């Protein structure tokens, strides 16, 4: 993690905090909490719960049909990720299993964003990767010509997000915006989920 870069981003967030909070509707927080609660309740039964799958796809902008997205929920239902697991091996497992869409050459795409949303659902200490967060943190899009190069490039970007969040949480660097967010939105259900609070903030910043 480039410390100077993250310090500049923290300063930028503080400057734009009012606009960022406006970009975080209460309903987005509520639907996220619903998804998390239902995942914990349903467990492996999520594969048979049409409401959960519908809400998840809409909320996380899984822009593929219900039928094509079925492998995603099959992987989500069976996947586990604990602190004792080898993280990179687990990510490789996800990315190789999520064969959902093909690119122009006929090869299956690397589902970086979908994969990170699956990771976060299973274990919310891991952040979500998407274009808004990447933009807000000033990171490049993963790139590679072979599957392994693509995965390694994703690790590089994802670890930057993860380390940036860890730095902010450890140093309480965004205390100002988080306290104001608590005043204007009900984030009480996220009190044990600081990574998701930061995800909301950087997702909203990336939309500015």
C-alpha atoms as a PDB file:
ATOM      1  CA  UNK A   1       0.000   0.000   0.000  1.00  0.00           C
ATOM      2  CA  UNK A   2       1.257   3.443  -0.919  1.00  0.00           C
ATOM      3  CA  UNK A   3       0.811   5.436   2.289  1.00  0.00           C
ATOM      4  CA  UNK A   4       0.974   8.822   0.548  1.00  0.00           C
ATOM      5  CA  UNK A   5      -1.756   7.762  -1.881  1.00  0.00           C
ATOM      6  CA  UNK A   6      -4.119   6.606   0.857  1.00  0.00           C
ATOM      7  CA  UNK A   7      -3.499   9.783   2.881  1.00  0.00           C
ATOM      8  CA  UNK A   8      -4.495  11.873  -0.153  1.00  0.00           C
ATOM      9  CA  UNK A   9      -7.623   9.747  -0.574  1.00  0.00           C
ATOM     10  CA  UNK A  10      -8.548  10.172   3.108  1.00  0.00           C
ATOM     11  CA  UNK A  11      -8.220  13.944   2.706  1.00  0.00           C
ATOM     12  CA  UNK A  12     -10.394  13.813  -0.406  1.00  0.00           C
ATOM     13  CA  UNK A  13     -13.081  11.788   1.403  1.00  0.00           C
ATOM     14  CA  UNK A  14     -13.192  14.311   4.237  1.00  0.00           C
ATOM     15  CA  UNK A  15     -13.593  17.125   1.702  1.00  0.00           C
ATOM     16  CA  UNK A  16     -16.414  15.357  -0.155  1.00  0.00           C
ATOM     17  CA  UNK A  17     -18.099  13.766   2.874  1.00  0.00           C
ATOM     18  CA  UNK A  18     -21.449  15.525   2.449  1.00  0.00           C
ATOM     19  CA  UNK A  19     -21.811  14.394  -1.166  1.00  0.00           C
ATOM     20  CA  UNK A  20     -20.608  10.896  -0.307  1.00  0.00           C
ATOM     21  CA  UNK A  21     -23.229  10.481   2.412  1.00  0.00           C
ATOM     22  CA  UNK A  22     -25.940  11.758   0.074  1.00  0.00           C
ATOM     23  CA  UNK A  23     -24.900   8.953  -2.297  1.00  0.00           C
ATOM     24  CA  UNK A  24     -25.566   6.281   0.365  1.00  0.00           C
ATOM     25  CA  UNK A  25     -29.370   5.868   0.595  1.00  0.00           C
ATOM     26  CA  UNK A  26     -30.741   4.169   3.701  1.00  0.00           C
ATOM     27  CA  UNK A  27     -32.387   1.515   1.534  1.00  0.00           C
ATOM     28  CA  UNK A  28     -28.969   0.403   0.236  1.00  0.00           C
ATOM     29  CA  UNK A  29     -27.867  -0.225   3.807  1.00  0.00           C
ATOM     30  CA  UNK A  30     -31.118  -2.003   4.694  1.00  0.00           C
ATOM     31  CA  UNK A  31     -31.039  -4.307   1.669  1.00  0.00           C
ATOM     32  CA  UNK A  32     -27.402  -5.189   2.364  1.00  0.00           C
ATOM     33  CA  UNK A  33     -28.325  -6.122   5.945  1.00  0.00           C
ATOM     34  CA  UNK A  34     -31.262  -8.195   4.672  1.00  0.00           C
ATOM     35  CA  UNK A  35     -28.975 -10.142   2.331  1.00  0.00           C
ATOM     36  CA  UNK A  36     -26.435 -10.773   5.092  1.00  0.00           C
ATOM     37  CA  UNK A  37     -29.108 -11.890   7.577  1.00  0.00           C
ATOM     38  CA  UNK A  38     -30.796 -14.195   5.066  1.00  0.00           C
ATOM     39  CA  UNK A  39     -27.461 -15.732   4.083  1.00  0.00           C
ATOM     40  CA  UNK A  40     -26.770 -16.554   7.733  1.00  0.00           C
ATOM     41  CA  UNK A  41     -30.258 -18.022   8.186  1.00  0.00           C
ATOM     42  CA  UNK A  42     -30.523 -19.986   4.939  1.00  0.00           C
ATOM     43  CA  UNK A  43     -27.000 -21.392   4.633  1.00  0.00           C
ATOM     44  CA  UNK A  44     -26.894 -24.005   1.866  1.00  0.00           C
ATOM     45  CA  UNK A  45     -30.630 -23.485   1.246  1.00  0.00           C
ATOM     46  CA  UNK A  46     -29.928 -20.230  -0.600  1.00  0.00           C
ATOM     47  CA  UNK A  47     -29.775 -22.237  -3.828  1.00  0.00           C
ATOM     48  CA  UNK A  48     -33.513 -22.932  -3.456  1.00  0.00           C
ATOM     49  CA  UNK A  49     -34.573 -19.489  -2.233  1.00  0.00           C
ATOM     50  CA  UNK A  50     -35.742 -17.452  -5.216  1.00  0.00           C
ATOM     51  CA  UNK A  51     -36.258 -14.267  -3.171  1.00  0.00           C
ATOM     52  CA  UNK A  52     -32.705 -14.298  -1.815  1.00  0.00           C
ATOM     53  CA  UNK A  53     -31.259 -14.883  -5.273  1.00  0.00           C
ATOM     54  CA  UNK A  54     -33.424 -12.186  -6.855  1.00  0.00           C
ATOM     55  CA  UNK A  55     -32.523  -9.564  -4.243  1.00  0.00           C
ATOM     56  CA  UNK A  56     -28.826 -10.518  -4.334  1.00  0.00           C
ATOM     57  CA  UNK A  57     -28.659 -10.236  -8.128  1.00  0.00           C
ATOM     58  CA  UNK A  58     -30.445  -6.890  -8.190  1.00  0.00           C
ATOM     59  CA  UNK A  59     -28.500  -5.388  -5.287  1.00  0.00           C
ATOM     60  CA  UNK A  60     -25.073  -6.481  -6.468  1.00  0.00           C
ATOM     61  CA  UNK A  61     -25.873  -5.800 -10.133  1.00  0.00           C
ATOM     62  CA  UNK A  62     -25.257  -9.365 -11.254  1.00  0.00           C
ATOM     63  CA  UNK A  63     -26.197  -8.525 -14.824  1.00  0.00           C
ATOM     64  CA  UNK A  64     -26.944 -12.008 -16.059  1.00  0.00           C
ATOM     65  CA  UNK A  65     -30.154 -14.008 -16.163  1.00  0.00           C
ATOM     66  CA  UNK A  66     -31.422 -16.046 -13.224  1.00  0.00           C
ATOM     67  CA  UNK A  67     -30.590 -19.257 -15.080  1.00  0.00           C
ATOM     68  CA  UNK A  68     -27.042 -18.223 -16.019  1.00  0.00           C
ATOM     69  CA  UNK A  69     -26.361 -17.043 -12.457  1.00  0.00           C
ATOM     70  CA  UNK A  70     -27.251 -20.398 -10.851  1.00  0.00           C
ATOM     71  CA  UNK A  71     -23.576 -21.556 -10.679  1.00  0.00           C
ATOM     72  CA  UNK A  72     -22.790 -18.420  -8.651  1.00  0.00           C
ATOM     73  CA  UNK A  73     -25.276 -19.364  -5.946  1.00  0.00           C
ATOM     74  CA  UNK A  74     -24.170 -22.994  -6.011  1.00  0.00           C
ATOM     75  CA  UNK A  75     -20.602 -21.862  -5.274  1.00  0.00           C
ATOM     76  CA  UNK A  76     -21.821 -19.370  -2.641  1.00  0.00           C
ATOM     77  CA  UNK A  77     -23.838 -22.057  -0.846  1.00  0.00           C
ATOM     78  CA  UNK A  78     -20.843 -24.405  -0.545  1.00  0.00           C
ATOM     79  CA  UNK A  79     -17.988 -21.948  -0.073  1.00  0.00           C
ATOM     80  CA  UNK A  80     -16.207 -21.299   3.217  1.00  0.00           C
ATOM     81  CA  UNK A  81     -13.400 -18.896   4.070  1.00  0.00           C
ATOM     82  CA  UNK A  82     -11.808 -18.848   7.509  1.00  0.00           C
ATOM     83  CA  UNK A  83      -8.720 -17.124   8.892  1.00  0.00           C
ATOM     84  CA  UNK A  84      -6.830 -20.423   8.740  1.00  0.00           C
ATOM     85  CA  UNK A  85      -7.458 -20.866   5.002  1.00  0.00           C
ATOM     86  CA  UNK A  86      -4.873 -19.887   2.416  1.00  0.00           C
ATOM     87  CA  UNK A  87      -6.565 -16.833   0.972  1.00  0.00           C
ATOM     88  CA  UNK A  88      -5.029 -16.853  -2.502  1.00  0.00           C
ATOM     89  CA  UNK A  89      -5.876 -20.526  -2.985  1.00  0.00           C
ATOM     90  CA  UNK A  90      -9.488 -19.845  -2.033  1.00  0.00           C
ATOM     91  CA  UNK A  91      -9.707 -16.906  -4.434  1.00  0.00           C
ATOM     92  CA  UNK A  92      -8.314 -19.019  -7.252  1.00  0.00           C
ATOM     93  CA  UNK A  93     -10.927 -21.636  -6.418  1.00  0.00           C
ATOM     94  CA  UNK A  94     -13.713 -19.077  -6.734  1.00  0.00           C
ATOM     95  CA  UNK A  95     -12.471 -17.489  -9.956  1.00  0.00           C
ATOM     96  CA  UNK A  96     -12.037 -20.857 -11.641  1.00  0.00           C
ATOM     97  CA  UNK A  97     -15.501 -22.011 -10.566  1.00  0.00           C
ATOM     98  CA  UNK A  98     -17.364 -18.853 -11.588  1.00  0.00           C
ATOM     99  CA  UNK A  99     -17.617 -19.610 -15.281  1.00  0.00           C
ATOM    100  CA  UNK A 100     -20.658 -17.477 -15.995  1.00  0.00           C
ATOM    101  CA  UNK A 101     -20.020 -15.335 -19.083  1.00  0.00           C
ATOM    102  CA  UNK A 102     -17.829 -15.550 -22.161  1.00  0.00           C
ATOM    103  CA  UNK A 103     -15.856 -12.746 -23.787  1.00  0.00           C
ATOM    104  CA  UNK A 104     -15.639 -12.020 -27.506  1.00  0.00           C
ATOM    105  CA  UNK A 105     -13.007 -14.710 -27.986  1.00  0.00           C
ATOM    106  CA  UNK A 106     -15.273 -17.346 -26.460  1.00  0.00           C
ATOM    107  CA  UNK A 107     -13.251 -17.671 -23.241  1.00  0.00           C
ATOM    108  CA  UNK A 108     -14.902 -17.400 -19.855  1.00  0.00           C
ATOM    109  CA  UNK A 109     -14.387 -14.036 -18.169  1.00  0.00           C
ATOM    110  CA  UNK A 110     -12.599 -13.656 -14.856  1.00  0.00           C
ATOM    111  CA  UNK A 111     -15.432 -12.580 -12.557  1.00  0.00           C
ATOM    112  CA  UNK A 112     -13.372 -10.341 -10.259  1.00  0.00           C
ATOM    113  CA  UNK A 113     -16.263  -8.245  -8.977  1.00  0.00           C
ATOM    114  CA  UNK A 114     -18.725 -11.119  -8.625  1.00  0.00           C
ATOM    115  CA  UNK A 115     -16.037 -13.188  -6.925  1.00  0.00           C
ATOM    116  CA  UNK A 116     -15.264 -10.454  -4.393  1.00  0.00           C
ATOM    117  CA  UNK A 117     -18.981 -10.061  -3.603  1.00  0.00           C
ATOM    118  CA  UNK A 118     -19.118 -13.786  -2.930  1.00  0.00           C
ATOM    119  CA  UNK A 119     -16.019 -13.527  -0.702  1.00  0.00           C
ATOM    120  CA  UNK A 120     -17.508 -10.660   1.280  1.00  0.00           C
ATOM    121  CA  UNK A 121     -20.825 -12.467   1.748  1.00  0.00           C
ATOM    122  CA  UNK A 122     -19.055 -15.502   3.165  1.00  0.00           C
ATOM    123  CA  UNK A 123     -16.634 -13.491   5.317  1.00  0.00           C
ATOM    124  CA  UNK A 124     -17.227  -9.756   5.647  1.00  0.00           C
ATOM    125  CA  UNK A 125     -13.673  -8.974   6.715  1.00  0.00           C
ATOM    126  CA  UNK A 126     -12.833  -9.136   2.994  1.00  0.00           C
ATOM    127  CA  UNK A 127     -13.734  -6.041   0.926  1.00  0.00           C
ATOM    128  CA  UNK A 128     -15.694  -5.853  -2.285  1.00  0.00           C
ATOM    129  CA  UNK A 129     -13.922  -5.049  -5.530  1.00  0.00           C
ATOM    130  CA  UNK A 130     -15.874  -3.080  -8.112  1.00  0.00           C
ATOM    131  CA  UNK A 131     -15.242  -0.263 -10.556  1.00  0.00           C
ATOM    132  CA  UNK A 132     -16.468   2.455  -8.158  1.00  0.00           C
ATOM    133  CA  UNK A 133     -14.185   1.365  -5.321  1.00  0.00           C
ATOM    134  CA  UNK A 134     -11.284   0.959  -7.733  1.00  0.00           C
ATOM    135  CA  UNK A 135     -11.883   4.458  -9.084  1.00  0.00           C
ATOM    136  CA  UNK A 136     -12.178   5.985  -5.600  1.00  0.00           C
ATOM    137  CA  UNK A 137      -8.885   4.419  -4.532  1.00  0.00           C
ATOM    138  CA  UNK A 138      -7.100   5.331  -7.767  1.00  0.00           C
ATOM    139  CA  UNK A 139      -6.309   1.745  -8.749  1.00  0.00           C
ATOM    140  CA  UNK A 140      -5.898   0.212 -12.183  1.00  0.00           C
ATOM    141  CA  UNK A 141      -8.173  -2.470 -13.553  1.00  0.00           C
ATOM    142  CA  UNK A 142      -6.742  -6.021 -13.346  1.00  0.00           C
ATOM    143  CA  UNK A 143      -5.188  -7.080 -16.621  1.00  0.00           C
ATOM    144  CA  UNK A 144      -3.492 -10.120 -18.127  1.00  0.00           C
ATOM    145  CA  UNK A 145      -3.299 -12.273 -21.228  1.00  0.00           C
ATOM    146  CA  UNK A 146      -3.449 -15.654 -19.471  1.00  0.00           C
ATOM    147  CA  UNK A 147      -5.787 -16.769 -16.653  1.00  0.00           C
ATOM    148  CA  UNK A 148      -2.886 -16.866 -14.185  1.00  0.00           C
ATOM    149  CA  UNK A 149      -1.698 -13.376 -15.155  1.00  0.00           C
ATOM    150  CA  UNK A 150      -5.245 -12.095 -14.695  1.00  0.00           C
ATOM    151  CA  UNK A 151      -5.523 -13.688 -11.252  1.00  0.00           C
ATOM    152  CA  UNK A 152      -2.143 -12.313 -10.151  1.00  0.00           C
ATOM    153  CA  UNK A 153      -3.135  -8.847 -11.383  1.00  0.00           C
ATOM    154  CA  UNK A 154      -6.386  -9.104  -9.425  1.00  0.00           C
ATOM    155  CA  UNK A 155      -4.493 -10.089  -6.266  1.00  0.00           C
ATOM    156  CA  UNK A 156      -2.340  -6.990  -6.633  1.00  0.00           C
ATOM    157  CA  UNK A 157      -5.348  -4.663  -6.898  1.00  0.00           C
ATOM    158  CA  UNK A 158      -7.409  -6.483  -4.284  1.00  0.00           C
ATOM    159  CA  UNK A 159      -4.594  -6.458  -1.739  1.00  0.00           C
ATOM    160  CA  UNK A 160      -4.293  -2.686  -2.212  1.00  0.00           C
ATOM    161  CA  UNK A 161      -7.975  -2.343  -1.314  1.00  0.00           C
ATOM    162  CA  UNK A 162      -7.635  -4.705   1.640  1.00  0.00           C
ATOM    163  CA  UNK A 163      -4.505  -3.007   3.013  1.00  0.00           C
ATOM    164  CA  UNK A 164      -6.010   0.464   2.529  1.00  0.00           C
ATOM    165  CA  UNK A 165      -9.076  -0.527   4.536  1.00  0.00           C
ATOM    166  CA  UNK A 166      -6.946  -2.124   7.242  1.00  0.00           C
ATOM    167  CA  UNK A 167      -4.890   1.076   7.537  1.00  0.00           C
ATOM    168  CA  UNK A 168      -7.998   3.254   7.778  1.00  0.00           C
ATOM    169  CA  UNK A 169      -9.644   1.002  10.373  1.00  0.00           C
ATOM    170  CA  UNK A 170      -6.499   0.672  12.476  1.00  0.00           C
ATOM    171  CA  UNK A 171      -5.886   4.439  12.511  1.00  0.00           C
ATOM    172  CA  UNK A 172      -9.552   5.468  12.648  1.00  0.00           C
ATOM    173  CA  UNK A 173      -8.691   7.705   9.715  1.00  0.00           C
ATOM    174  CA  UNK A 174     -12.242   8.404   8.524  1.00  0.00           C
ATOM    175  CA  UNK A 175     -13.768   9.085  11.928  1.00  0.00           C
ATOM    176  CA  UNK A 176     -15.341  12.357  10.780  1.00  0.00           C
ATOM    177  CA  UNK A 177     -17.401  10.929   7.914  1.00  0.00           C
ATOM    178  CA  UNK A 178     -18.296   7.746   9.815  1.00  0.00           C
ATOM    179  CA  UNK A 179     -19.657   9.714  12.771  1.00  0.00           C
ATOM    180  CA  UNK A 180     -21.682  11.910  10.432  1.00  0.00           C
ATOM    181  CA  UNK A 181     -22.931   8.835   8.586  1.00  0.00           C
ATOM    182  CA  UNK A 182     -24.119   7.409  11.921  1.00  0.00           C
ATOM    183  CA  UNK A 183     -26.094  10.602  12.533  1.00  0.00           C
ATOM    184  CA  UNK A 184     -27.763  10.645   9.120  1.00  0.00           C
ATOM    185  CA  UNK A 185     -28.221   6.919   8.461  1.00  0.00           C
ATOM    186  CA  UNK A 186     -29.016   3.898  10.605  1.00  0.00           C
ATOM    187  CA  UNK A 187     -25.853   1.802  10.355  1.00  0.00           C
ATOM    188  CA  UNK A 188     -26.266   0.128  13.752  1.00  0.00           C
ATOM    189  CA  UNK A 189     -26.326  -3.331  12.159  1.00  0.00           C
ATOM    190  CA  UNK A 190     -22.891  -2.622  10.660  1.00  0.00           C
ATOM    191  CA  UNK A 191     -21.176  -1.951  14.001  1.00  0.00           C
ATOM    192  CA  UNK A 192     -19.255  -5.251  13.707  1.00  0.00           C
ATOM    193  CA  UNK A 193     -18.686  -4.812   9.985  1.00  0.00           C
ATOM    194  CA  UNK A 194     -16.258  -1.872   9.507  1.00  0.00           C
ATOM    195  CA  UNK A 195     -15.135  -3.133   6.102  1.00  0.00           C
ATOM    196  CA  UNK A 196     -18.658  -2.745   4.715  1.00  0.00           C
ATOM    197  CA  UNK A 197     -18.912   0.782   6.133  1.00  0.00           C
ATOM    198  CA  UNK A 198     -15.770   1.674   4.180  1.00  0.00           C
ATOM    199  CA  UNK A 199     -17.129  -0.119   1.132  1.00  0.00           C
ATOM    200  CA  UNK A 200     -20.229   2.093   1.212  1.00  0.00           C
ATOM    201  CA  UNK A 201     -18.062   5.199   1.553  1.00  0.00           C
ATOM    202  CA  UNK A 202     -15.686   4.382  -1.298  1.00  0.00           C
ATOM    203  CA  UNK A 203     -18.465   3.028  -3.536  1.00  0.00           C
ATOM    204  CA  UNK A 204     -20.303   6.327  -3.039  1.00  0.00           C
ATOM    205  CA  UNK A 205     -17.127   8.349  -3.621  1.00  0.00           C
ATOM    206  CA  UNK A 206     -16.488   6.466  -6.846  1.00  0.00           C
ATOM    207  CA  UNK A 207     -19.891   7.598  -8.133  1.00  0.00           C
ATOM    208  CA  UNK A 208     -19.050  11.302  -7.768  1.00  0.00           C
END
